[in-house]
């Protein structure tokens, strides 16, 4: 009997103007015999970039887990000083 494993992944992303985007992904691993444990997970992310160089990242889950991680990460990057190229 052969062991086999299947990875199914769907991702969708959308631009919310020139400075923001959002994405959603669904990942499912089924079967045995591969490197990953079977499971399904969902992940979502939002990114916003401002003209002054600051960034905001909002993330739920992770796209590489065997099940949906109920975690929410918010990250704000504050750039201090002149922008490169100015």
PDB file of N, CA and C in Angstrom:
ATOM      1  N   UNK A   1       0.848  -1.171   0.000  1.00  0.00           N
ATOM      2  CA  UNK A   1       0.000   0.000   0.000  1.00  0.00           C
ATOM      3  C   UNK A   1       0.895   1.237   0.000  1.00  0.00           C
ATOM      4  N   UNK A   2       0.625   2.156  -0.905  1.00  0.00           N
ATOM      5  CA  UNK A   2       1.419   3.382  -0.997  1.00  0.00           C
ATOM      6  C   UNK A   2       0.842   4.465  -0.106  1.00  0.00           C
ATOM      7  N   UNK A   3       1.716   5.160   0.556  1.00  0.00           N
ATOM      8  CA  UNK A   3       1.293   6.335   1.318  1.00  0.00           C
ATOM      9  C   UNK A   3       1.283   7.528   0.376  1.00  0.00           C
ATOM     10  N   UNK A   4       0.297   8.355   0.512  1.00  0.00           N
ATOM     11  CA  UNK A   4       0.238   9.568  -0.315  1.00  0.00           C
ATOM     12  C   UNK A   4      -0.323  10.708   0.509  1.00  0.00           C
ATOM     13  N   UNK A   5      -0.003  11.890   0.082  1.00  0.00           N
ATOM     14  CA  UNK A   5      -0.443  13.075   0.792  1.00  0.00           C
ATOM     15  C   UNK A   5      -0.801  14.144  -0.225  1.00  0.00           C
ATOM     16  N   UNK A   6      -1.861  14.895   0.054  1.00  0.00           N
ATOM     17  CA  UNK A   6      -2.323  15.935  -0.864  1.00  0.00           C
ATOM     18  C   UNK A   6      -2.373  17.267  -0.136  1.00  0.00           C
ATOM     19  N   UNK A   7      -1.851  18.293  -0.798  1.00  0.00           N
ATOM     20  CA  UNK A   7      -1.914  19.665  -0.302  1.00  0.00           C
ATOM     21  C   UNK A   7      -2.850  20.437  -1.213  1.00  0.00           C
ATOM     22  N   UNK A   8      -3.837  21.053  -0.610  1.00  0.00           N
ATOM     23  CA  UNK A   8      -4.743  21.925  -1.348  1.00  0.00           C
ATOM     24  C   UNK A   8      -4.663  23.296  -0.705  1.00  0.00           C
ATOM     25  N   UNK A   9      -4.452  24.309  -1.543  1.00  0.00           N
ATOM     26  CA  UNK A   9      -4.294  25.665  -1.022  1.00  0.00           C
ATOM     27  C   UNK A   9      -5.039  26.637  -1.929  1.00  0.00           C
ATOM     28  N   UNK A  10      -5.798  27.518  -1.308  1.00  0.00           N
ATOM     29  CA  UNK A  10      -6.510  28.567  -2.026  1.00  0.00           C
ATOM     30  C   UNK A  10      -6.173  29.881  -1.347  1.00  0.00           C
ATOM     31  N   UNK A  11      -5.798  30.855  -2.135  1.00  0.00           N
ATOM     32  CA  UNK A  11      -5.508  32.180  -1.603  1.00  0.00           C
ATOM     33  C   UNK A  11      -6.148  33.236  -2.476  1.00  0.00           C
ATOM     34  N   UNK A  12      -6.646  34.269  -1.843  1.00  0.00           N
ATOM     35  CA  UNK A  12      -7.234  35.373  -2.586  1.00  0.00           C
ATOM     36  C   UNK A  12      -6.741  36.667  -1.949  1.00  0.00           C
ATOM     37  N   UNK A  13      -6.397  37.606  -2.781  1.00  0.00           N
ATOM     38  CA  UNK A  13      -5.919  38.888  -2.300  1.00  0.00           C
ATOM     39  C   UNK A  13      -6.566  40.010  -3.080  1.00  0.00           C
ATOM     40  N   UNK A  14      -6.659  41.155  -2.446  1.00  0.00           N
ATOM     41  CA  UNK A  14      -7.265  42.312  -3.100  1.00  0.00           C
ATOM     42  C   UNK A  14      -6.510  43.568  -2.698  1.00  0.00           C
ATOM     43  N   UNK A  15      -6.363  44.442  -3.652  1.00  0.00           N
ATOM     44  CA  UNK A  15      -5.755  45.735  -3.396  1.00  0.00           C
ATOM     45  C   UNK A  15      -6.848  46.704  -2.972  1.00  0.00           C
ATOM     46  N   UNK A  16      -6.602  47.414  -1.894  1.00  0.00           N
ATOM     47  CA  UNK A  16      -7.554  48.405  -1.389  1.00  0.00           C
ATOM     48  C   UNK A  16      -7.002  49.803  -1.649  1.00  0.00           C
ATOM     49  N   UNK A  17      -6.712  50.083  -2.893  1.00  0.00           N
ATOM     50  CA  UNK A  17      -6.057  51.336  -3.243  1.00  0.00           C
ATOM     51  C   UNK A  17      -4.582  51.071  -3.462  1.00  0.00           C
ATOM     52  N   UNK A  18      -3.821  52.138  -3.649  1.00  0.00           N
ATOM     53  CA  UNK A  18      -2.403  51.938  -3.930  1.00  0.00           C
ATOM     54  C   UNK A  18      -1.547  51.698  -2.693  1.00  0.00           C
ATOM     55  N   UNK A  19      -2.115  51.895  -1.505  1.00  0.00           N
ATOM     56  CA  UNK A  19      -1.323  51.770  -0.283  1.00  0.00           C
ATOM     57  C   UNK A  19      -1.818  50.712   0.695  1.00  0.00           C
ATOM     58  N   UNK A  20      -2.773  49.871   0.312  1.00  0.00           N
ATOM     59  CA  UNK A  20      -3.295  48.864   1.238  1.00  0.00           C
ATOM     60  C   UNK A  20      -3.701  47.617   0.467  1.00  0.00           C
ATOM     61  N   UNK A  21      -3.580  46.475   1.145  1.00  0.00           N
ATOM     62  CA  UNK A  21      -4.047  45.219   0.554  1.00  0.00           C
ATOM     63  C   UNK A  21      -4.477  44.267   1.659  1.00  0.00           C
ATOM     64  N   UNK A  22      -5.283  43.289   1.253  1.00  0.00           N
ATOM     65  CA  UNK A  22      -5.811  42.294   2.173  1.00  0.00           C
ATOM     66  C   UNK A  22      -5.743  40.935   1.477  1.00  0.00           C
ATOM     67  N   UNK A  23      -5.526  39.875   2.253  1.00  0.00           N
ATOM     68  CA  UNK A  23      -5.498  38.535   1.667  1.00  0.00           C
ATOM     69  C   UNK A  23      -6.076  37.528   2.648  1.00  0.00           C
ATOM     70  N   UNK A  24      -6.607  36.447   2.082  1.00  0.00           N
ATOM     71  CA  UNK A  24      -7.191  35.361   2.847  1.00  0.00           C
ATOM     72  C   UNK A  24      -6.720  34.057   2.228  1.00  0.00           C
ATOM     73  N   UNK A  25      -6.313  33.097   3.055  1.00  0.00           N
ATOM     74  CA  UNK A  25      -5.833  31.816   2.527  1.00  0.00           C
ATOM     75  C   UNK A  25      -6.438  30.661   3.308  1.00  0.00           C
ATOM     76  N   UNK A  26      -6.670  29.575   2.591  1.00  0.00           N
ATOM     77  CA  UNK A  26      -7.168  28.336   3.156  1.00  0.00           C
ATOM     78  C   UNK A  26      -6.224  27.228   2.714  1.00  0.00           C
ATOM     79  N   UNK A  27      -5.762  26.417   3.650  1.00  0.00           N
ATOM     80  CA  UNK A  27      -4.796  25.360   3.363  1.00  0.00           C
ATOM     81  C   UNK A  27      -5.302  24.067   3.980  1.00  0.00           C
ATOM     82  N   UNK A  28      -5.236  22.980   3.202  1.00  0.00           N
ATOM     83  CA  UNK A  28      -5.671  21.679   3.691  1.00  0.00           C
ATOM     84  C   UNK A  28      -4.659  20.617   3.270  1.00  0.00           C
ATOM     85  N   UNK A  29      -4.230  19.808   4.228  1.00  0.00           N
ATOM     86  CA  UNK A  29      -3.339  18.680   3.970  1.00  0.00           C
ATOM     87  C   UNK A  29      -4.108  17.427   4.365  1.00  0.00           C
ATOM     88  N   UNK A  30      -4.150  16.452   3.443  1.00  0.00           N
ATOM     89  CA  UNK A  30      -4.836  15.197   3.750  1.00  0.00           C
ATOM     90  C   UNK A  30      -3.943  14.027   3.369  1.00  0.00           C
ATOM     91  N   UNK A  31      -4.180  12.890   3.994  1.00  0.00           N
ATOM     92  CA  UNK A  31      -3.397  11.697   3.714  1.00  0.00           C
ATOM     93  C   UNK A  31      -2.236  11.546   4.675  1.00  0.00           C
ATOM     94  N   UNK A  32      -1.480  10.467   4.455  1.00  0.00           N
ATOM     95  CA  UNK A  32      -0.326  10.183   5.297  1.00  0.00           C
ATOM     96  C   UNK A  32       0.879   9.922   4.406  1.00  0.00           C
ATOM     97  N   UNK A  33       2.036   9.859   4.998  1.00  0.00           N
ATOM     98  CA  UNK A  33       3.237   9.523   4.250  1.00  0.00           C
ATOM     99  C   UNK A  33       4.050  10.713   3.800  1.00  0.00           C
ATOM    100  N   UNK A  34       3.608  11.894   4.066  1.00  0.00           N
ATOM    101  CA  UNK A  34       4.350  13.084   3.659  1.00  0.00           C
ATOM    102  C   UNK A  34       5.058  13.721   4.827  1.00  0.00           C
ATOM    103  N   UNK A  35       5.454  14.959   4.645  1.00  0.00           N
ATOM    104  CA  UNK A  35       6.200  15.674   5.685  1.00  0.00           C
ATOM    105  C   UNK A  35       5.299  16.476   6.615  1.00  0.00           C
ATOM    106  N   UNK A  36       4.079  16.793   6.182  1.00  0.00           N
ATOM    107  CA  UNK A  36       3.192  17.625   6.995  1.00  0.00           C
ATOM    108  C   UNK A  36       2.121  16.768   7.664  1.00  0.00           C
ATOM    109  N   UNK A  37       1.676  17.203   8.826  1.00  0.00           N
ATOM    110  CA  UNK A  37       0.567  16.535   9.496  1.00  0.00           C
ATOM    111  C   UNK A  37      -0.736  16.939   8.815  1.00  0.00           C
ATOM    112  N   UNK A  38      -1.700  16.032   8.707  1.00  0.00           N
ATOM    113  CA  UNK A  38      -2.982  16.382   8.102  1.00  0.00           C
ATOM    114  C   UNK A  38      -3.702  17.446   8.922  1.00  0.00           C
ATOM    115  N   UNK A  39      -4.406  18.326   8.242  1.00  0.00           N
ATOM    116  CA  UNK A  39      -5.162  19.369   8.921  1.00  0.00           C
ATOM    117  C   UNK A  39      -5.565  20.474   7.972  1.00  0.00           C
ATOM    118  N   UNK A  40      -6.384  21.387   8.459  1.00  0.00           N
ATOM    119  CA  UNK A  40      -6.880  22.521   7.687  1.00  0.00           C
ATOM    120  C   UNK A  40      -6.687  23.782   8.510  1.00  0.00           C
ATOM    121  N   UNK A  41      -6.285  24.859   7.840  1.00  0.00           N
ATOM    122  CA  UNK A  41      -6.167  26.119   8.557  1.00  0.00           C
ATOM    123  C   UNK A  41      -6.532  27.282   7.658  1.00  0.00           C
ATOM    124  N   UNK A  42      -6.872  28.397   8.313  1.00  0.00           N
ATOM    125  CA  UNK A  42      -7.260  29.643   7.655  1.00  0.00           C
ATOM    126  C   UNK A  42      -6.333  30.739   8.161  1.00  0.00           C
ATOM    127  N   UNK A  43      -5.946  31.640   7.262  1.00  0.00           N
ATOM    128  CA  UNK A  43      -5.121  32.784   7.649  1.00  0.00           C
ATOM    129  C   UNK A  43      -5.603  34.019   6.898  1.00  0.00           C
ATOM    130  N   UNK A  44      -5.486  35.173   7.535  1.00  0.00           N
ATOM    131  CA  UNK A  44      -5.875  36.438   6.920  1.00  0.00           C
ATOM    132  C   UNK A  44      -4.844  37.498   7.280  1.00  0.00           C
ATOM    133  N   UNK A  45      -4.630  38.436   6.367  1.00  0.00           N
ATOM    134  CA  UNK A  45      -3.678  39.511   6.628  1.00  0.00           C
ATOM    135  C   UNK A  45      -4.136  40.809   5.981  1.00  0.00           C
ATOM    136  N   UNK A  46      -3.757  41.919   6.594  1.00  0.00           N
ATOM    137  CA  UNK A  46      -4.018  43.264   6.084  1.00  0.00           C
ATOM    138  C   UNK A  46      -2.728  44.054   6.215  1.00  0.00           C
ATOM    139  N   UNK A  47      -2.380  44.817   5.193  1.00  0.00           N
ATOM    140  CA  UNK A  47      -1.182  45.657   5.220  1.00  0.00           C
ATOM    141  C   UNK A  47      -1.541  47.038   4.705  1.00  0.00           C
ATOM    142  N   UNK A  48      -1.112  48.072   5.431  1.00  0.00           N
ATOM    143  CA  UNK A  48      -1.327  49.471   5.029  1.00  0.00           C
ATOM    144  C   UNK A  48       0.002  50.196   5.103  1.00  0.00           C
ATOM    145  N   UNK A  49       0.343  50.914   4.039  1.00  0.00           N
ATOM    146  CA  UNK A  49       1.581  51.686   3.966  1.00  0.00           C
ATOM    147  C   UNK A  49       1.224  53.158   3.793  1.00  0.00           C
ATOM    148  N   UNK A  50       1.856  54.035   4.581  1.00  0.00           N
ATOM    149  CA  UNK A  50       1.623  55.465   4.479  1.00  0.00           C
ATOM    150  C   UNK A  50       2.780  56.143   3.753  1.00  0.00           C
ATOM    151  N   UNK A  51       2.527  57.316   3.208  1.00  0.00           N
ATOM    152  CA  UNK A  51       3.528  58.058   2.436  1.00  0.00           C
ATOM    153  C   UNK A  51       4.748  58.440   3.277  1.00  0.00           C
ATOM    154  N   UNK A  52       4.588  58.573   4.592  1.00  0.00           N
ATOM    155  CA  UNK A  52       5.720  58.924   5.451  1.00  0.00           C
ATOM    156  C   UNK A  52       6.610  57.724   5.777  1.00  0.00           C
ATOM    157  N   UNK A  53       6.277  56.549   5.211  1.00  0.00           N
ATOM    158  CA  UNK A  53       7.100  55.352   5.409  1.00  0.00           C
ATOM    159  C   UNK A  53       6.603  54.415   6.486  1.00  0.00           C
ATOM    160  N   UNK A  54       5.599  54.801   7.261  1.00  0.00           N
ATOM    161  CA  UNK A  54       5.067  53.936   8.316  1.00  0.00           C
ATOM    162  C   UNK A  54       4.217  52.818   7.714  1.00  0.00           C
ATOM    163  N   UNK A  55       4.170  51.687   8.424  1.00  0.00           N
ATOM    164  CA  UNK A  55       3.416  50.529   7.964  1.00  0.00           C
ATOM    165  C   UNK A  55       2.591  49.954   9.104  1.00  0.00           C
ATOM    166  N   UNK A  56       1.424  49.405   8.754  1.00  0.00           N
ATOM    167  CA  UNK A  56       0.573  48.692   9.699  1.00  0.00           C
ATOM    168  C   UNK A  56       0.307  47.302   9.133  1.00  0.00           C
ATOM    169  N   UNK A  57       0.532  46.267   9.952  1.00  0.00           N
ATOM    170  CA  UNK A  57       0.285  44.881   9.578  1.00  0.00           C
ATOM    171  C   UNK A  57      -0.684  44.278  10.590  1.00  0.00           C
ATOM    172  N   UNK A  58      -1.761  43.664  10.111  1.00  0.00           N
ATOM    173  CA  UNK A  58      -2.706  42.951  10.955  1.00  0.00           C
ATOM    174  C   UNK A  58      -2.807  41.531  10.419  1.00  0.00           C
ATOM    175  N   UNK A  59      -2.539  40.541  11.255  1.00  0.00           N
ATOM    176  CA  UNK A  59      -2.519  39.137  10.826  1.00  0.00           C
ATOM    177  C   UNK A  59      -3.334  38.279  11.780  1.00  0.00           C
ATOM    178  N   UNK A  60      -4.048  37.323  11.192  1.00  0.00           N
ATOM    179  CA  UNK A  60      -4.757  36.308  11.981  1.00  0.00           C
ATOM    180  C   UNK A  60      -4.292  34.947  11.502  1.00  0.00           C
ATOM    181  N   UNK A  61      -3.940  34.067  12.427  1.00  0.00           N
ATOM    182  CA  UNK A  61      -3.493  32.724  12.077  1.00  0.00           C
ATOM    183  C   UNK A  61      -2.122  32.727  11.436  1.00  0.00           C
ATOM    184  N   UNK A  62      -1.797  31.641  10.759  1.00  0.00           N
ATOM    185  CA  UNK A  62      -0.569  31.507  10.002  1.00  0.00           C
ATOM    186  C   UNK A  62      -0.831  30.571   8.837  1.00  0.00           C
ATOM    187  N   UNK A  63      -0.271  30.842   7.663  1.00  0.00           N
ATOM    188  CA  UNK A  63      -0.556  29.990   6.506  1.00  0.00           C
ATOM    189  C   UNK A  63       0.180  28.649   6.508  1.00  0.00           C
ATOM    190  N   UNK A  64       0.977  28.354   7.517  1.00  0.00           N
ATOM    191  CA  UNK A  64       1.778  27.132   7.512  1.00  0.00           C
ATOM    192  C   UNK A  64       1.491  26.198   8.676  1.00  0.00           C
ATOM    193  N   UNK A  65       0.362  26.349   9.341  1.00  0.00           N
ATOM    194  CA  UNK A  65       0.046  25.498  10.499  1.00  0.00           C
ATOM    195  C   UNK A  65      -0.852  24.339  10.096  1.00  0.00           C
ATOM    196  N   UNK A  66      -0.912  23.326  10.940  1.00  0.00           N
ATOM    197  CA  UNK A  66      -1.777  22.176  10.659  1.00  0.00           C
ATOM    198  C   UNK A  66      -3.223  22.436  11.052  1.00  0.00           C
ATOM    199  N   UNK A  67      -3.465  23.465  11.849  1.00  0.00           N
ATOM    200  CA  UNK A  67      -4.822  23.883  12.189  1.00  0.00           C
ATOM    201  C   UNK A  67      -4.791  25.397  12.404  1.00  0.00           C
ATOM    202  N   UNK A  68      -5.951  26.012  12.349  1.00  0.00           N
ATOM    203  CA  UNK A  68      -6.023  27.459  12.492  1.00  0.00           C
ATOM    204  C   UNK A  68      -5.543  27.874  13.876  1.00  0.00           C
ATOM    205  N   UNK A  69      -4.575  28.752  13.912  1.00  0.00           N
ATOM    206  CA  UNK A  69      -4.092  29.288  15.183  1.00  0.00           C
ATOM    207  C   UNK A  69      -4.941  30.494  15.537  1.00  0.00           C
ATOM    208  N   UNK A  70      -5.567  30.452  16.696  1.00  0.00           N
ATOM    209  CA  UNK A  70      -6.390  31.571  17.137  1.00  0.00           C
ATOM    210  C   UNK A  70      -5.492  32.629  17.752  1.00  0.00           C
ATOM    211  N   UNK A  71      -4.772  33.314  16.866  1.00  0.00           N
ATOM    212  CA  UNK A  71      -3.902  34.390  17.334  1.00  0.00           C
ATOM    213  C   UNK A  71      -4.058  35.568  16.387  1.00  0.00           C
ATOM    214  N   UNK A  72      -3.956  36.741  16.952  1.00  0.00           N
ATOM    215  CA  UNK A  72      -4.055  37.973  16.188  1.00  0.00           C
ATOM    216  C   UNK A  72      -2.797  38.781  16.475  1.00  0.00           C
ATOM    217  N   UNK A  73      -2.124  39.211  15.427  1.00  0.00           N
ATOM    218  CA  UNK A  73      -0.895  39.979  15.580  1.00  0.00           C
ATOM    219  C   UNK A  73      -1.091  41.336  14.921  1.00  0.00           C
ATOM    220  N   UNK A  74      -0.802  42.389  15.662  1.00  0.00           N
ATOM    221  CA  UNK A  74      -0.826  43.749  15.135  1.00  0.00           C
ATOM    222  C   UNK A  74       0.589  44.305  15.239  1.00  0.00           C
ATOM    223  N   UNK A  75       1.085  44.838  14.140  1.00  0.00           N
ATOM    224  CA  UNK A  75       2.453  45.359  14.106  1.00  0.00           C
ATOM    225  C   UNK A  75       2.417  46.718  13.418  1.00  0.00           C
ATOM    226  N   UNK A  76       2.961  47.727  14.084  1.00  0.00           N
ATOM    227  CA  UNK A  76       3.062  49.068  13.513  1.00  0.00           C
ATOM    228  C   UNK A  76       4.544  49.431  13.423  1.00  0.00           C
ATOM    229  N   UNK A  77       4.991  49.771  12.235  1.00  0.00           N
ATOM    230  CA  UNK A  77       6.392  50.132  12.021  1.00  0.00           C
ATOM    231  C   UNK A  77       6.457  51.636  11.852  1.00  0.00           C
ATOM    232  N   UNK A  78       7.152  52.305  12.770  1.00  0.00           N
ATOM    233  CA  UNK A  78       7.309  53.755  12.753  1.00  0.00           C
ATOM    234  C   UNK A  78       8.683  54.097  12.222  1.00  0.00           C
ATOM    235  N   UNK A  79       8.734  54.786  11.119  1.00  0.00           N
ATOM    236  CA  UNK A  79      10.017  55.191  10.525  1.00  0.00           C
ATOM    237  C   UNK A  79      10.345  56.603  11.000  1.00  0.00           C
ATOM    238  N   UNK A  80      11.531  56.776  11.538  1.00  0.00           N
ATOM    239  CA  UNK A  80      11.981  58.059  12.067  1.00  0.00           C
ATOM    240  C   UNK A  80      13.112  58.559  11.171  1.00  0.00           C
ATOM    241  N   UNK A  81      13.067  59.825  10.806  1.00  0.00           N
ATOM    242  CA  UNK A  81      14.109  60.398   9.962  1.00  0.00           C
ATOM    243  C   UNK A  81      13.638  60.546   8.521  1.00  0.00           C
ATOM    244  N   UNK A  82      14.509  61.047   7.688  1.00  0.00           N
ATOM    245  CA  UNK A  82      14.105  61.257   6.285  1.00  0.00           C
ATOM    246  C   UNK A  82      13.907  59.938   5.546  1.00  0.00           C
ATOM    247  N   UNK A  83      13.006  59.963   4.582  1.00  0.00           N
ATOM    248  CA  UNK A  83      12.775  58.791   3.757  1.00  0.00           C
ATOM    249  C   UNK A  83      13.949  58.596   2.808  1.00  0.00           C
ATOM    250  N   UNK A  84      14.297  57.352   2.490  1.00  0.00           N
ATOM    251  CA  UNK A  84      15.361  57.117   1.522  1.00  0.00           C
ATOM    252  C   UNK A  84      15.024  57.743   0.170  1.00  0.00           C
ATOM    253  N   UNK A  85      15.979  58.376  -0.443  1.00  0.00           N
ATOM    254  CA  UNK A  85      15.761  58.997  -1.740  1.00  0.00           C
ATOM    255  C   UNK A  85      15.238  60.415  -1.695  1.00  0.00           C
ATOM    256  N   UNK A  86      15.125  60.995  -0.465  1.00  0.00           N
ATOM    257  CA  UNK A  86      14.630  62.375  -0.384  1.00  0.00           C
ATOM    258  C   UNK A  86      15.740  63.314  -0.009  1.00  0.00           C
TER     259      UNK A  86
END
